[in-house]
């Protein structure tokens, strides 16, 4: 019957030696890959038939220049400050907005509560 190797059963020294061994092994594998990658033969020059073949790069279009922006025409004169009339038309007091949100949230909670009542 084979005994299973467990990490908890190893002493701290055995763990350090095993980790160091894995580290050295990974360095050796990396060096072997890097050294083997440098020994590739130079590619042969393309034949005339290969030069005549179209590739993906032949179908890619060059970046077009950005479109010219038309001049911007404002509907009204630009003003540095709002007029009183504009303020009256568009101003909403923050208290009113907060109160509307609270009323809506309370109505939603009341409806949910009343739906649970038999």
C-alpha atoms as a PDB file:
ATOM      1  CA  UNK A   1       0.000   0.000   0.000  1.00  0.00           C
ATOM      2  CA  UNK A   2       1.420   3.380  -1.041  1.00  0.00           C
ATOM      3  CA  UNK A   3       1.643   6.220   1.376  1.00  0.00           C
ATOM      4  CA  UNK A   4       0.358   9.587   0.134  1.00  0.00           C
ATOM      5  CA  UNK A   5       2.653  12.543   0.451  1.00  0.00           C
ATOM      6  CA  UNK A   6       1.003  15.456   2.221  1.00  0.00           C
ATOM      7  CA  UNK A   7       2.306  18.981   2.531  1.00  0.00           C
ATOM      8  CA  UNK A   8       1.458  19.067   6.235  1.00  0.00           C
ATOM      9  CA  UNK A   9       3.661  16.012   6.842  1.00  0.00           C
ATOM     10  CA  UNK A  10       6.793  17.749   5.517  1.00  0.00           C
ATOM     11  CA  UNK A  11       9.180  19.535   7.838  1.00  0.00           C
ATOM     12  CA  UNK A  12      10.006  23.204   7.179  1.00  0.00           C
ATOM     13  CA  UNK A  13      13.422  22.241   5.833  1.00  0.00           C
ATOM     14  CA  UNK A  14      11.876  19.764   3.400  1.00  0.00           C
ATOM     15  CA  UNK A  15       9.437  22.426   2.216  1.00  0.00           C
ATOM     16  CA  UNK A  16      12.290  24.894   1.586  1.00  0.00           C
ATOM     17  CA  UNK A  17      14.320  22.304  -0.314  1.00  0.00           C
ATOM     18  CA  UNK A  18      11.292  21.295  -2.426  1.00  0.00           C
ATOM     19  CA  UNK A  19      10.441  24.927  -3.205  1.00  0.00           C
ATOM     20  CA  UNK A  20      14.046  25.677  -4.130  1.00  0.00           C
ATOM     21  CA  UNK A  21      14.135  22.622  -6.367  1.00  0.00           C
ATOM     22  CA  UNK A  22      10.994  23.716  -8.188  1.00  0.00           C
ATOM     23  CA  UNK A  23      12.440  27.205  -8.603  1.00  0.00           C
ATOM     24  CA  UNK A  24      15.709  25.872 -10.070  1.00  0.00           C
ATOM     25  CA  UNK A  25      13.756  23.513 -12.359  1.00  0.00           C
ATOM     26  CA  UNK A  26      11.635  26.413 -13.661  1.00  0.00           C
ATOM     27  CA  UNK A  27      14.772  28.486 -14.340  1.00  0.00           C
ATOM     28  CA  UNK A  28      16.350  25.568 -16.265  1.00  0.00           C
ATOM     29  CA  UNK A  29      13.207  25.097 -18.375  1.00  0.00           C
ATOM     30  CA  UNK A  30      13.035  28.840 -19.116  1.00  0.00           C
ATOM     31  CA  UNK A  31      16.690  28.939 -20.149  1.00  0.00           C
ATOM     32  CA  UNK A  32      16.253  25.876 -22.380  1.00  0.00           C
ATOM     33  CA  UNK A  33      13.295  27.504 -24.139  1.00  0.00           C
ATOM     34  CA  UNK A  34      15.133  30.803 -24.599  1.00  0.00           C
ATOM     35  CA  UNK A  35      18.303  29.163 -25.917  1.00  0.00           C
ATOM     36  CA  UNK A  36      16.397  26.868 -28.285  1.00  0.00           C
ATOM     37  CA  UNK A  37      14.382  29.792 -29.634  1.00  0.00           C
ATOM     38  CA  UNK A  38      17.498  31.597 -30.820  1.00  0.00           C
ATOM     39  CA  UNK A  39      18.646  28.764 -33.110  1.00  0.00           C
ATOM     40  CA  UNK A  40      15.966  29.069 -35.768  1.00  0.00           C
ATOM     41  CA  UNK A  41      17.172  29.080 -39.353  1.00  0.00           C
ATOM     42  CA  UNK A  42      16.680  32.264 -41.337  1.00  0.00           C
ATOM     43  CA  UNK A  43      13.539  32.180 -43.492  1.00  0.00           C
ATOM     44  CA  UNK A  44      14.053  31.611 -47.201  1.00  0.00           C
ATOM     45  CA  UNK A  45      13.336  34.591 -49.446  1.00  0.00           C
ATOM     46  CA  UNK A  46       9.803  34.487 -50.879  1.00  0.00           C
ATOM     47  CA  UNK A  47       9.313  33.086 -54.345  1.00  0.00           C
ATOM     48  CA  UNK A  48       7.592  35.199 -57.030  1.00  0.00           C
ATOM     49  CA  UNK A  49       4.407  33.152 -56.565  1.00  0.00           C
ATOM     50  CA  UNK A  50       4.394  33.896 -52.832  1.00  0.00           C
ATOM     51  CA  UNK A  51       5.019  37.584 -53.505  1.00  0.00           C
ATOM     52  CA  UNK A  52       2.005  37.747 -55.845  1.00  0.00           C
ATOM     53  CA  UNK A  53      -0.313  36.228 -53.204  1.00  0.00           C
ATOM     54  CA  UNK A  54      -2.512  38.746 -51.379  1.00  0.00           C
ATOM     55  CA  UNK A  55      -2.421  38.886 -47.627  1.00  0.00           C
ATOM     56  CA  UNK A  56      -4.602  40.442 -44.978  1.00  0.00           C
ATOM     57  CA  UNK A  57      -2.494  43.618 -44.956  1.00  0.00           C
ATOM     58  CA  UNK A  58      -3.400  44.249 -48.599  1.00  0.00           C
ATOM     59  CA  UNK A  59      -7.082  44.677 -47.661  1.00  0.00           C
ATOM     60  CA  UNK A  60      -6.660  46.974 -44.655  1.00  0.00           C
ATOM     61  CA  UNK A  61      -7.518  50.588 -45.354  1.00  0.00           C
ATOM     62  CA  UNK A  62      -5.407  53.451 -44.102  1.00  0.00           C
ATOM     63  CA  UNK A  63      -6.872  55.621 -41.381  1.00  0.00           C
ATOM     64  CA  UNK A  64      -9.004  58.330 -42.909  1.00  0.00           C
ATOM     65  CA  UNK A  65      -8.637  61.861 -41.578  1.00  0.00           C
ATOM     66  CA  UNK A  66     -11.319  62.942 -39.123  1.00  0.00           C
ATOM     67  CA  UNK A  67     -14.343  64.605 -40.729  1.00  0.00           C
ATOM     68  CA  UNK A  68     -14.334  68.370 -40.827  1.00  0.00           C
ATOM     69  CA  UNK A  69     -16.554  69.791 -38.108  1.00  0.00           C
ATOM     70  CA  UNK A  70     -19.173  72.193 -39.413  1.00  0.00           C
ATOM     71  CA  UNK A  71     -19.324  75.534 -37.719  1.00  0.00           C
ATOM     72  CA  UNK A  72     -21.543  75.502 -34.654  1.00  0.00           C
ATOM     73  CA  UNK A  73     -24.561  77.820 -34.786  1.00  0.00           C
ATOM     74  CA  UNK A  74     -26.144  78.737 -31.474  1.00  0.00           C
ATOM     75  CA  UNK A  75     -29.915  79.228 -31.308  1.00  0.00           C
ATOM     76  CA  UNK A  76     -29.518  82.146 -28.937  1.00  0.00           C
ATOM     77  CA  UNK A  77     -26.857  84.498 -27.749  1.00  0.00           C
ATOM     78  CA  UNK A  78     -24.508  83.074 -25.154  1.00  0.00           C
ATOM     79  CA  UNK A  79     -24.986  84.817 -21.815  1.00  0.00           C
ATOM     80  CA  UNK A  80     -22.649  85.001 -18.863  1.00  0.00           C
ATOM     81  CA  UNK A  81     -25.502  84.936 -16.312  1.00  0.00           C
ATOM     82  CA  UNK A  82     -29.072  83.645 -16.231  1.00  0.00           C
ATOM     83  CA  UNK A  83     -31.870  86.185 -16.233  1.00  0.00           C
ATOM     84  CA  UNK A  84     -34.560  86.300 -13.554  1.00  0.00           C
ATOM     85  CA  UNK A  85     -37.143  85.043 -16.071  1.00  0.00           C
ATOM     86  CA  UNK A  86     -34.990  81.990 -16.879  1.00  0.00           C
ATOM     87  CA  UNK A  87     -34.555  81.270 -13.201  1.00  0.00           C
ATOM     88  CA  UNK A  88     -38.301  81.402 -12.609  1.00  0.00           C
ATOM     89  CA  UNK A  89     -38.944  79.017 -15.511  1.00  0.00           C
ATOM     90  CA  UNK A  90     -36.370  76.374 -14.653  1.00  0.00           C
ATOM     91  CA  UNK A  91     -35.538  76.617 -10.958  1.00  0.00           C
ATOM     92  CA  UNK A  92     -36.856  73.857  -8.721  1.00  0.00           C
ATOM     93  CA  UNK A  93     -36.158  74.224  -5.004  1.00  0.00           C
ATOM     94  CA  UNK A  94     -34.152  71.252  -3.671  1.00  0.00           C
ATOM     95  CA  UNK A  95     -36.573  70.871  -0.767  1.00  0.00           C
ATOM     96  CA  UNK A  96     -39.410  70.199  -3.216  1.00  0.00           C
ATOM     97  CA  UNK A  97     -37.398  67.500  -5.017  1.00  0.00           C
ATOM     98  CA  UNK A  98     -36.441  65.819  -1.741  1.00  0.00           C
ATOM     99  CA  UNK A  99     -40.037  65.947  -0.525  1.00  0.00           C
ATOM    100  CA  UNK A 100     -41.277  64.328  -3.764  1.00  0.00           C
ATOM    101  CA  UNK A 101     -38.755  61.521  -3.391  1.00  0.00           C
ATOM    102  CA  UNK A 102     -39.761  60.928   0.225  1.00  0.00           C
ATOM    103  CA  UNK A 103     -43.474  60.890  -0.634  1.00  0.00           C
ATOM    104  CA  UNK A 104     -42.886  58.399  -3.465  1.00  0.00           C
ATOM    105  CA  UNK A 105     -40.749  56.129  -1.253  1.00  0.00           C
ATOM    106  CA  UNK A 106     -43.299  56.251   1.594  1.00  0.00           C
ATOM    107  CA  UNK A 107     -46.165  55.432  -0.794  1.00  0.00           C
ATOM    108  CA  UNK A 108     -44.191  52.470  -2.136  1.00  0.00           C
ATOM    109  CA  UNK A 109     -43.511  51.159   1.389  1.00  0.00           C
ATOM    110  CA  UNK A 110     -47.152  51.616   2.444  1.00  0.00           C
ATOM    111  CA  UNK A 111     -48.366  49.747  -0.642  1.00  0.00           C
ATOM    112  CA  UNK A 112     -45.960  46.889   0.064  1.00  0.00           C
ATOM    113  CA  UNK A 113     -47.043  46.768   3.705  1.00  0.00           C
ATOM    114  CA  UNK A 114     -50.739  46.741   2.825  1.00  0.00           C
ATOM    115  CA  UNK A 115     -50.232  43.954   0.279  1.00  0.00           C
ATOM    116  CA  UNK A 116     -48.970  41.735   3.108  1.00  0.00           C
ATOM    117  CA  UNK A 117     -52.083  42.346   5.238  1.00  0.00           C
ATOM    118  CA  UNK A 118     -54.671  39.545   4.805  1.00  0.00           C
END
